[in-house]
Amino acid sequence: MSSSLSAKKQIHKSLLTKTLLVFFIFVSSTFFIHMSFGATGERDASCHVLEISEHCDLSGIGHLVYGDLIVGGVLALFFHHLAHKNQVRIDKIISSNEDHRLKRKDFAVFHLKSQVTAMLFNLGRIKKTAEFYNAAVKSDYHPLTLEEKERTWKIRTLNERIKFEEEKLGRLLDVVRSTLVGAQDVLEPEVVMQTDGVITFVGEMVIEEQQDGMMEFVKYAVSKKKVLYLLEKLKSYSATMHTFKKVEENIEKELSASVYPNAT
């Protein structure tokens, strides 16, 4: 908002300077022209330089005072009127653009908030499904029985479910990335960098199958903290002030300690 106000002030100063410059050039040029014509013409010495009568010709300065200054003043007022109308039109455009920018920002934050919430929910589903899968792998069974068939069916179904949720998470990350790209000109650089970092980190997560057949959701705890931190940041946005509140520093320290446990 402050940038738009400073831009308006600069435009006001520019228009006023141009108007005064045009007026000065007009008066200066006509002054020298009339002075030169007045110097070459014959004029009664008894006539006052500003006298207006039948037997006295109007002098160059008289032309300047009675004619050009008045005309110049009228032109200056006319130019100022046009400049004022143009300035009002520019102010409306600037105000409209600023309102549009703030609406885009509100819209982007709202969508990012819902998409990050869906991302957090999806991560929880993957984690829970992996736990069900591991429980099925560890379950006791008797070979060549209906119990084994049910166990095999459950493991295959849960494995397919994990892959489905992973693909769903990938599509969700693409949607968040598209929203971020479309709104990076209205969001603060800090928010853009944080969101992009979380997207990149979560996108690199994988579920690894261990030698014992178990599924391990690598870096789930850190990913969840990162997503929660980003969600907290988005929730701190005020739609009336169009600004983000500062997130508690202890959350950042806790997150950094989780990501870099060996850092000093």
C-alpha atoms as a PDB file:
ATOM      1  CA  MET A   1       0.000   0.000   0.000  1.00  0.00           C
ATOM      2  CA  SER A   2       2.858   2.401   0.811  1.00  0.00           C
ATOM      3  CA  SER A   3       4.407   1.745  -2.594  1.00  0.00           C
ATOM      4  CA  SER A   4       1.160   2.741  -4.330  1.00  0.00           C
ATOM      5  CA  LEU A   5       0.956   5.974  -2.279  1.00  0.00           C
ATOM      6  CA  SER A   6       4.535   6.895  -3.145  1.00  0.00           C
ATOM      7  CA  ALA A   7       3.784   6.170  -6.795  1.00  0.00           C
ATOM      8  CA  LYS A   8       0.803   8.540  -6.650  1.00  0.00           C
ATOM      9  CA  LYS A   9       2.934  11.286  -5.100  1.00  0.00           C
ATOM     10  CA  GLN A  10       5.569  10.890  -7.796  1.00  0.00           C
ATOM     11  CA  ILE A  11       2.917  11.116 -10.523  1.00  0.00           C
ATOM     12  CA  HIS A  12       1.451  14.267  -8.904  1.00  0.00           C
ATOM     13  CA  LYS A  13       4.884  15.918  -8.807  1.00  0.00           C
ATOM     14  CA  SER A  14       5.630  14.892 -12.394  1.00  0.00           C
ATOM     15  CA  LEU A  15       2.358  16.330 -13.734  1.00  0.00           C
ATOM     16  CA  LEU A  16       2.786  19.588 -11.801  1.00  0.00           C
ATOM     17  CA  THR A  17       6.367  19.957 -13.020  1.00  0.00           C
ATOM     18  CA  LYS A  18       5.345  19.350 -16.631  1.00  0.00           C
ATOM     19  CA  THR A  19       2.515  21.909 -16.390  1.00  0.00           C
ATOM     20  CA  LEU A  20       4.800  24.581 -14.948  1.00  0.00           C
ATOM     21  CA  LEU A  21       7.458  23.781 -17.534  1.00  0.00           C
ATOM     22  CA  VAL A  22       4.994  24.198 -20.423  1.00  0.00           C
ATOM     23  CA  PHE A  23       3.776  27.487 -18.960  1.00  0.00           C
ATOM     24  CA  PHE A  24       7.346  28.769 -18.483  1.00  0.00           C
ATOM     25  CA  ILE A  25       8.393  27.840 -22.027  1.00  0.00           C
ATOM     26  CA  PHE A  26       5.295  29.482 -23.500  1.00  0.00           C
ATOM     27  CA  VAL A  27       5.732  32.733 -21.562  1.00  0.00           C
ATOM     28  CA  SER A  28       9.474  32.897 -22.183  1.00  0.00           C
ATOM     29  CA  SER A  29       9.174  32.343 -25.930  1.00  0.00           C
ATOM     30  CA  THR A  30       6.340  34.863 -26.379  1.00  0.00           C
ATOM     31  CA  PHE A  31       8.154  37.390 -24.199  1.00  0.00           C
ATOM     32  CA  PHE A  32      11.246  37.433 -26.392  1.00  0.00           C
ATOM     33  CA  ILE A  33       9.170  37.448 -29.593  1.00  0.00           C
ATOM     34  CA  HIS A  34       7.062  40.436 -28.542  1.00  0.00           C
ATOM     35  CA  MET A  35      10.048  42.289 -27.146  1.00  0.00           C
ATOM     36  CA  SER A  36      11.830  41.913 -30.483  1.00  0.00           C
ATOM     37  CA  PHE A  37       8.794  43.125 -32.440  1.00  0.00           C
ATOM     38  CA  GLY A  38       8.254  45.952 -29.999  1.00  0.00           C
ATOM     39  CA  ALA A  39      11.884  47.048 -30.322  1.00  0.00           C
ATOM     40  CA  THR A  40      11.731  47.290 -34.130  1.00  0.00           C
ATOM     41  CA  GLY A  41       8.419  49.211 -34.321  1.00  0.00           C
ATOM     42  CA  GLU A  42       7.982  53.004 -33.973  1.00  0.00           C
ATOM     43  CA  ARG A  43       6.126  54.078 -30.865  1.00  0.00           C
ATOM     44  CA  ASP A  44       5.368  57.449 -29.282  1.00  0.00           C
ATOM     45  CA  ALA A  45       7.833  58.054 -26.460  1.00  0.00           C
ATOM     46  CA  SER A  46       5.155  59.804 -24.402  1.00  0.00           C
ATOM     47  CA  CYS A  47       3.085  56.608 -24.219  1.00  0.00           C
ATOM     48  CA  HIS A  48       3.421  54.508 -21.114  1.00  0.00           C
ATOM     49  CA  VAL A  49       4.754  51.027 -21.654  1.00  0.00           C
ATOM     50  CA  LEU A  50       1.449  49.513 -20.468  1.00  0.00           C
ATOM     51  CA  GLU A  51      -0.852  52.259 -21.833  1.00  0.00           C
ATOM     52  CA  ILE A  52      -3.843  51.265 -23.934  1.00  0.00           C
ATOM     53  CA  SER A  53      -5.242  54.114 -26.108  1.00  0.00           C
ATOM     54  CA  GLU A  54      -6.086  55.032 -29.707  1.00  0.00           C
ATOM     55  CA  HIS A  55      -2.868  56.994 -30.381  1.00  0.00           C
ATOM     56  CA  CYS A  56      -0.533  54.590 -28.570  1.00  0.00           C
ATOM     57  CA  ASP A  57       0.404  51.215 -29.986  1.00  0.00           C
ATOM     58  CA  LEU A  58       0.595  48.398 -27.504  1.00  0.00           C
ATOM     59  CA  SER A  59       4.217  47.730 -26.590  1.00  0.00           C
ATOM     60  CA  GLY A  60       5.905  44.324 -26.509  1.00  0.00           C
ATOM     61  CA  ILE A  61       5.614  44.173 -22.747  1.00  0.00           C
ATOM     62  CA  GLY A  62       1.964  45.225 -23.071  1.00  0.00           C
ATOM     63  CA  HIS A  63       1.371  42.374 -25.485  1.00  0.00           C
ATOM     64  CA  LEU A  64       3.059  40.088 -23.007  1.00  0.00           C
ATOM     65  CA  VAL A  65       1.087  41.326 -19.995  1.00  0.00           C
ATOM     66  CA  TYR A  66      -2.354  41.820 -21.541  1.00  0.00           C
ATOM     67  CA  GLY A  67      -2.239  39.013 -24.032  1.00  0.00           C
ATOM     68  CA  ASP A  68       0.264  36.276 -23.482  1.00  0.00           C
ATOM     69  CA  LEU A  69       0.201  36.184 -19.700  1.00  0.00           C
ATOM     70  CA  ILE A  70      -3.569  35.929 -19.737  1.00  0.00           C
ATOM     71  CA  VAL A  71      -3.506  33.344 -22.506  1.00  0.00           C
ATOM     72  CA  GLY A  72      -0.679  31.515 -20.755  1.00  0.00           C
ATOM     73  CA  GLY A  73      -2.587  31.551 -17.473  1.00  0.00           C
ATOM     74  CA  VAL A  74      -5.698  30.186 -19.153  1.00  0.00           C
ATOM     75  CA  LEU A  75      -3.637  27.519 -20.892  1.00  0.00           C
ATOM     76  CA  ALA A  76      -1.926  26.686 -17.618  1.00  0.00           C
ATOM     77  CA  LEU A  77      -5.295  26.301 -15.913  1.00  0.00           C
ATOM     78  CA  PHE A  78      -6.523  24.200 -18.818  1.00  0.00           C
ATOM     79  CA  PHE A  79      -3.440  21.975 -18.699  1.00  0.00           C
ATOM     80  CA  HIS A  80      -3.797  21.687 -14.944  1.00  0.00           C
ATOM     81  CA  HIS A  81      -7.439  20.689 -15.367  1.00  0.00           C
ATOM     82  CA  LEU A  82      -6.478  18.026 -17.895  1.00  0.00           C
ATOM     83  CA  ALA A  83      -3.646  16.853 -15.661  1.00  0.00           C
ATOM     84  CA  HIS A  84      -6.026  16.649 -12.695  1.00  0.00           C
ATOM     85  CA  LYS A  85      -8.552  14.618 -14.674  1.00  0.00           C
ATOM     86  CA  ASN A  86      -5.768  12.367 -15.898  1.00  0.00           C
ATOM     87  CA  GLN A  87      -4.464  12.013 -12.348  1.00  0.00           C
ATOM     88  CA  VAL A  88      -7.918  11.047 -11.061  1.00  0.00           C
ATOM     89  CA  ARG A  89      -8.132   8.431 -13.781  1.00  0.00           C
ATOM     90  CA  ILE A  90      -4.657   7.125 -12.908  1.00  0.00           C
ATOM     91  CA  ASP A  91      -5.552   7.026  -9.197  1.00  0.00           C
ATOM     92  CA  LYS A  92      -8.625   4.938  -9.993  1.00  0.00           C
ATOM     93  CA  ILE A  93      -6.529   2.537 -12.064  1.00  0.00           C
ATOM     94  CA  ILE A  94      -3.907   2.242  -9.309  1.00  0.00           C
ATOM     95  CA  SER A  95      -6.591   1.725  -6.660  1.00  0.00           C
ATOM     96  CA  SER A  96      -8.358  -0.861  -8.817  1.00  0.00           C
ATOM     97  CA  ASN A  97      -5.091  -2.716  -9.443  1.00  0.00           C
ATOM     98  CA  GLU A  98      -4.281  -2.692  -5.735  1.00  0.00           C
ATOM     99  CA  ASP A  99      -7.744  -4.041  -4.851  1.00  0.00           C
ATOM    100  CA  HIS A 100      -7.341  -6.731  -7.497  1.00  0.00           C
ATOM    101  CA  ARG A 101      -3.898  -7.644  -6.142  1.00  0.00           C
ATOM    102  CA  LEU A 102      -5.203  -7.970  -2.589  1.00  0.00           C
ATOM    103  CA  LYS A 103      -8.154 -10.099  -3.732  1.00  0.00           C
ATOM    104  CA  ARG A 104      -5.753 -12.375  -5.610  1.00  0.00           C
ATOM    105  CA  LYS A 105      -3.615 -12.634  -2.478  1.00  0.00           C
ATOM    106  CA  ASP A 106      -6.625 -13.519  -0.302  1.00  0.00           C
ATOM    107  CA  PHE A 107      -7.748 -16.083  -2.863  1.00  0.00           C
ATOM    108  CA  ALA A 108      -4.266 -17.635  -3.122  1.00  0.00           C
ATOM    109  CA  VAL A 109      -3.802 -17.904   0.657  1.00  0.00           C
ATOM    110  CA  PHE A 110      -7.257 -19.461   1.026  1.00  0.00           C
ATOM    111  CA  HIS A 111      -6.490 -22.112  -1.599  1.00  0.00           C
ATOM    112  CA  LEU A 112      -2.986 -22.779  -0.286  1.00  0.00           C
ATOM    113  CA  LYS A 113      -4.443 -23.267   3.183  1.00  0.00           C
ATOM    114  CA  SER A 114      -6.984 -25.831   1.976  1.00  0.00           C
ATOM    115  CA  GLN A 115      -4.417 -27.602  -0.223  1.00  0.00           C
ATOM    116  CA  VAL A 116      -1.813 -27.818   2.554  1.00  0.00           C
ATOM    117  CA  THR A 117      -4.519 -29.171   4.892  1.00  0.00           C
ATOM    118  CA  ALA A 118      -5.313 -31.827   2.298  1.00  0.00           C
ATOM    119  CA  MET A 119      -1.577 -32.571   2.031  1.00  0.00           C
ATOM    120  CA  LEU A 120      -1.359 -33.102   5.801  1.00  0.00           C
ATOM    121  CA  PHE A 121      -4.408 -35.373   5.700  1.00  0.00           C
ATOM    122  CA  ASN A 122      -2.906 -37.357   2.823  1.00  0.00           C
ATOM    123  CA  LEU A 123       0.395 -37.832   4.673  1.00  0.00           C
ATOM    124  CA  GLY A 124      -1.536 -39.196   7.657  1.00  0.00           C
ATOM    125  CA  ARG A 125      -3.412 -41.647   5.417  1.00  0.00           C
ATOM    126  CA  ILE A 126      -0.160 -42.917   3.916  1.00  0.00           C
ATOM    127  CA  LYS A 127       1.349 -43.351   7.373  1.00  0.00           C
ATOM    128  CA  LYS A 128      -1.718 -45.153   8.696  1.00  0.00           C
ATOM    129  CA  THR A 129      -1.969 -47.416   5.633  1.00  0.00           C
ATOM    130  CA  ALA A 130       1.732 -48.300   6.003  1.00  0.00           C
ATOM    131  CA  GLU A 131       1.071 -49.242   9.639  1.00  0.00           C
ATOM    132  CA  PHE A 132      -1.834 -51.484   8.584  1.00  0.00           C
ATOM    133  CA  TYR A 133       0.434 -53.038   5.957  1.00  0.00           C
ATOM    134  CA  ASN A 134       3.159 -53.751   8.517  1.00  0.00           C
ATOM    135  CA  ALA A 135       0.585 -55.225  10.898  1.00  0.00           C
ATOM    136  CA  ALA A 136      -0.622 -57.542   8.120  1.00  0.00           C
ATOM    137  CA  VAL A 137       2.957 -58.621   7.320  1.00  0.00           C
ATOM    138  CA  LYS A 138       3.644 -59.415  10.998  1.00  0.00           C
ATOM    139  CA  SER A 139       0.368 -61.266  11.542  1.00  0.00           C
ATOM    140  CA  ASP A 140       0.515 -64.990  12.263  1.00  0.00           C
ATOM    141  CA  TYR A 141      -0.960 -67.421   9.756  1.00  0.00           C
ATOM    142  CA  HIS A 142      -0.974 -71.089   8.857  1.00  0.00           C
ATOM    143  CA  PRO A 143       0.339 -71.936   5.361  1.00  0.00           C
ATOM    144  CA  LEU A 144      -2.026 -73.294   2.755  1.00  0.00           C
ATOM    145  CA  THR A 145      -5.086 -72.176   4.658  1.00  0.00           C
ATOM    146  CA  LEU A 146      -7.799 -69.559   4.196  1.00  0.00           C
ATOM    147  CA  GLU A 147      -5.963 -67.490   6.790  1.00  0.00           C
ATOM    148  CA  GLU A 148      -2.920 -67.230   4.493  1.00  0.00           C
ATOM    149  CA  LYS A 149      -5.093 -66.244   1.529  1.00  0.00           C
ATOM    150  CA  GLU A 150      -6.715 -63.462   3.544  1.00  0.00           C
ATOM    151  CA  ARG A 151      -3.307 -62.237   4.707  1.00  0.00           C
ATOM    152  CA  THR A 152      -1.952 -62.242   1.143  1.00  0.00           C
ATOM    153  CA  TRP A 153      -5.040 -60.407  -0.131  1.00  0.00           C
ATOM    154  CA  LYS A 154      -4.768 -57.809   2.646  1.00  0.00           C
ATOM    155  CA  ILE A 155      -1.060 -57.202   1.973  1.00  0.00           C
ATOM    156  CA  ARG A 156      -1.653 -56.790  -1.772  1.00  0.00           C
ATOM    157  CA  THR A 157      -4.631 -54.475  -1.230  1.00  0.00           C
ATOM    158  CA  LEU A 158      -2.788 -52.286   1.270  1.00  0.00           C
ATOM    159  CA  ASN A 159       0.253 -52.125  -0.994  1.00  0.00           C
ATOM    160  CA  GLU A 160      -1.921 -50.901  -3.866  1.00  0.00           C
ATOM    161  CA  ARG A 161      -3.559 -48.436  -1.500  1.00  0.00           C
ATOM    162  CA  ILE A 162      -0.184 -47.020  -0.487  1.00  0.00           C
ATOM    163  CA  LYS A 163       0.779 -46.523  -4.133  1.00  0.00           C
ATOM    164  CA  PHE A 164      -2.581 -44.860  -4.814  1.00  0.00           C
ATOM    165  CA  GLU A 165      -2.107 -42.442  -1.909  1.00  0.00           C
ATOM    166  CA  GLU A 166       1.445 -41.677  -3.055  1.00  0.00           C
ATOM    167  CA  GLU A 167       0.193 -40.819  -6.552  1.00  0.00           C
ATOM    168  CA  LYS A 168      -2.554 -38.711  -5.005  1.00  0.00           C
ATOM    169  CA  LEU A 169       0.052 -36.875  -2.941  1.00  0.00           C
ATOM    170  CA  GLY A 170       2.113 -36.234  -6.086  1.00  0.00           C
ATOM    171  CA  ARG A 171      -0.899 -34.727  -7.868  1.00  0.00           C
ATOM    172  CA  LEU A 172      -1.691 -32.617  -4.804  1.00  0.00           C
ATOM    173  CA  LEU A 173       1.870 -31.290  -4.718  1.00  0.00           C
ATOM    174  CA  ASP A 174       1.539 -30.312  -8.389  1.00  0.00           C
ATOM    175  CA  VAL A 175      -1.662 -28.399  -7.587  1.00  0.00           C
ATOM    176  CA  VAL A 176       0.030 -26.569  -4.693  1.00  0.00           C
ATOM    177  CA  ARG A 177       3.002 -25.751  -6.922  1.00  0.00           C
ATOM    178  CA  SER A 178       0.694 -24.371  -9.639  1.00  0.00           C
ATOM    179  CA  THR A 179      -1.142 -22.224  -7.098  1.00  0.00           C
ATOM    180  CA  LEU A 180       2.174 -20.944  -5.779  1.00  0.00           C
ATOM    181  CA  VAL A 181       3.484 -20.075  -9.253  1.00  0.00           C
ATOM    182  CA  GLY A 182       0.298 -18.184 -10.098  1.00  0.00           C
ATOM    183  CA  ALA A 183       0.396 -16.195  -6.853  1.00  0.00           C
ATOM    184  CA  GLN A 184       4.116 -15.560  -6.367  1.00  0.00           C
ATOM    185  CA  ASP A 185       3.731 -11.951  -7.558  1.00  0.00           C
ATOM    186  CA  VAL A 186       1.267 -11.145  -4.741  1.00  0.00           C
ATOM    187  CA  LEU A 187       2.715 -13.244  -1.912  1.00  0.00           C
ATOM    188  CA  GLU A 188       5.673 -12.302   0.256  1.00  0.00           C
ATOM    189  CA  PRO A 189       8.974 -13.858  -0.930  1.00  0.00           C
ATOM    190  CA  GLU A 190       9.377 -15.485   2.495  1.00  0.00           C
ATOM    191  CA  VAL A 191       6.049 -17.313   2.176  1.00  0.00           C
ATOM    192  CA  VAL A 192       6.831 -18.375  -1.403  1.00  0.00           C
ATOM    193  CA  MET A 193      10.222 -19.789  -0.379  1.00  0.00           C
ATOM    194  CA  GLN A 194       8.798 -21.602   2.657  1.00  0.00           C
ATOM    195  CA  THR A 195       5.971 -23.157   0.649  1.00  0.00           C
ATOM    196  CA  ASP A 196       8.296 -24.187  -2.162  1.00  0.00           C
ATOM    197  CA  GLY A 197      10.704 -25.721   0.351  1.00  0.00           C
ATOM    198  CA  VAL A 198       7.954 -27.783   1.983  1.00  0.00           C
ATOM    199  CA  ILE A 199       6.685 -28.960  -1.410  1.00  0.00           C
ATOM    200  CA  THR A 200      10.184 -30.009  -2.459  1.00  0.00           C
ATOM    201  CA  PHE A 201      10.877 -31.806   0.828  1.00  0.00           C
ATOM    202  CA  VAL A 202       7.586 -33.699   0.863  1.00  0.00           C
ATOM    203  CA  GLY A 203       7.977 -34.597  -2.821  1.00  0.00           C
ATOM    204  CA  GLU A 204      11.299 -36.297  -2.074  1.00  0.00           C
ATOM    205  CA  MET A 205       9.795 -38.552   0.584  1.00  0.00           C
ATOM    206  CA  VAL A 206       9.598 -42.260  -0.203  1.00  0.00           C
ATOM    207  CA  ILE A 207       8.232 -45.369   1.456  1.00  0.00           C
ATOM    208  CA  GLU A 208      11.010 -47.932   1.604  1.00  0.00           C
ATOM    209  CA  GLU A 209      10.428 -51.652   1.938  1.00  0.00           C
ATOM    210  CA  GLN A 210      12.782 -53.180   4.498  1.00  0.00           C
ATOM    211  CA  GLN A 211      14.423 -56.611   4.319  1.00  0.00           C
ATOM    212  CA  ASP A 212      11.827 -58.043   6.676  1.00  0.00           C
ATOM    213  CA  GLY A 213       9.048 -56.894   4.317  1.00  0.00           C
ATOM    214  CA  MET A 214       7.988 -53.935   6.447  1.00  0.00           C
ATOM    215  CA  MET A 215       7.202 -50.492   4.969  1.00  0.00           C
ATOM    216  CA  GLU A 216       9.048 -47.515   6.461  1.00  0.00           C
ATOM    217  CA  PHE A 217       7.749 -44.000   5.804  1.00  0.00           C
ATOM    218  CA  VAL A 218      11.095 -42.182   5.798  1.00  0.00           C
ATOM    219  CA  LYS A 219      11.179 -38.666   7.359  1.00  0.00           C
ATOM    220  CA  TYR A 220       7.466 -38.690   8.113  1.00  0.00           C
ATOM    221  CA  ALA A 221       7.860 -36.907  11.468  1.00  0.00           C
ATOM    222  CA  VAL A 222       9.956 -34.089   9.950  1.00  0.00           C
ATOM    223  CA  SER A 223       7.610 -33.764   6.983  1.00  0.00           C
ATOM    224  CA  LYS A 224       4.607 -33.498   9.257  1.00  0.00           C
ATOM    225  CA  LYS A 225       6.282 -30.759  11.297  1.00  0.00           C
ATOM    226  CA  LYS A 226       7.187 -28.846   8.143  1.00  0.00           C
ATOM    227  CA  VAL A 227       3.636 -29.053   6.815  1.00  0.00           C
ATOM    228  CA  LEU A 228       2.192 -28.057  10.211  1.00  0.00           C
ATOM    229  CA  TYR A 229       4.558 -25.096  10.375  1.00  0.00           C
ATOM    230  CA  LEU A 230       3.499 -23.951   6.892  1.00  0.00           C
ATOM    231  CA  LEU A 231      -0.161 -24.439   7.755  1.00  0.00           C
ATOM    232  CA  GLU A 232       0.310 -22.374  10.919  1.00  0.00           C
ATOM    233  CA  LYS A 233       1.865 -19.627   8.807  1.00  0.00           C
ATOM    234  CA  LEU A 234      -1.039 -19.640   6.348  1.00  0.00           C
ATOM    235  CA  LYS A 235      -3.605 -19.639   9.160  1.00  0.00           C
ATOM    236  CA  SER A 236      -1.980 -16.525  10.634  1.00  0.00           C
ATOM    237  CA  TYR A 237      -2.991 -14.541   7.530  1.00  0.00           C
ATOM    238  CA  SER A 238      -5.412 -11.686   8.198  1.00  0.00           C
ATOM    239  CA  ALA A 239      -7.934 -11.048   5.411  1.00  0.00           C
ATOM    240  CA  THR A 240      -8.578  -7.534   6.758  1.00  0.00           C
ATOM    241  CA  MET A 241      -4.923  -6.458   7.038  1.00  0.00           C
ATOM    242  CA  HIS A 242      -3.739  -8.712   4.163  1.00  0.00           C
ATOM    243  CA  THR A 243      -0.617  -9.641   6.121  1.00  0.00           C
ATOM    244  CA  PHE A 244       0.887 -12.686   7.837  1.00  0.00           C
ATOM    245  CA  LYS A 245       1.656 -12.771  11.538  1.00  0.00           C
ATOM    246  CA  LYS A 246       5.092 -13.846  12.726  1.00  0.00           C
ATOM    247  CA  VAL A 247       5.160 -17.518  13.701  1.00  0.00           C
ATOM    248  CA  GLU A 248       6.599 -18.374  17.110  1.00  0.00           C
ATOM    249  CA  GLU A 249      10.380 -18.738  17.018  1.00  0.00           C
ATOM    250  CA  ASN A 250      10.335 -21.874  19.163  1.00  0.00           C
ATOM    251  CA  ILE A 251       8.463 -23.663  16.375  1.00  0.00           C
ATOM    252  CA  GLU A 252      11.239 -22.761  13.940  1.00  0.00           C
ATOM    253  CA  LYS A 253      13.905 -23.905  16.401  1.00  0.00           C
ATOM    254  CA  GLU A 254      12.119 -27.188  17.005  1.00  0.00           C
ATOM    255  CA  LEU A 255      11.772 -27.740  13.273  1.00  0.00           C
ATOM    256  CA  SER A 256      15.440 -26.959  12.644  1.00  0.00           C
ATOM    257  CA  ALA A 257      16.481 -29.342  15.412  1.00  0.00           C
ATOM    258  CA  SER A 258      14.391 -32.093  13.816  1.00  0.00           C
ATOM    259  CA  VAL A 259      15.880 -31.536  10.370  1.00  0.00           C
ATOM    260  CA  TYR A 260      19.462 -31.061  11.537  1.00  0.00           C
ATOM    261  CA  PRO A 261      19.787 -33.010  14.812  1.00  0.00           C
ATOM    262  CA  ASN A 262      23.618 -32.904  14.741  1.00  0.00           C
ATOM    263  CA  ALA A 263      23.862 -29.159  14.161  1.00  0.00           C
ATOM    264  CA  THR A 264      25.665 -27.113  16.781  1.00  0.00           C
END
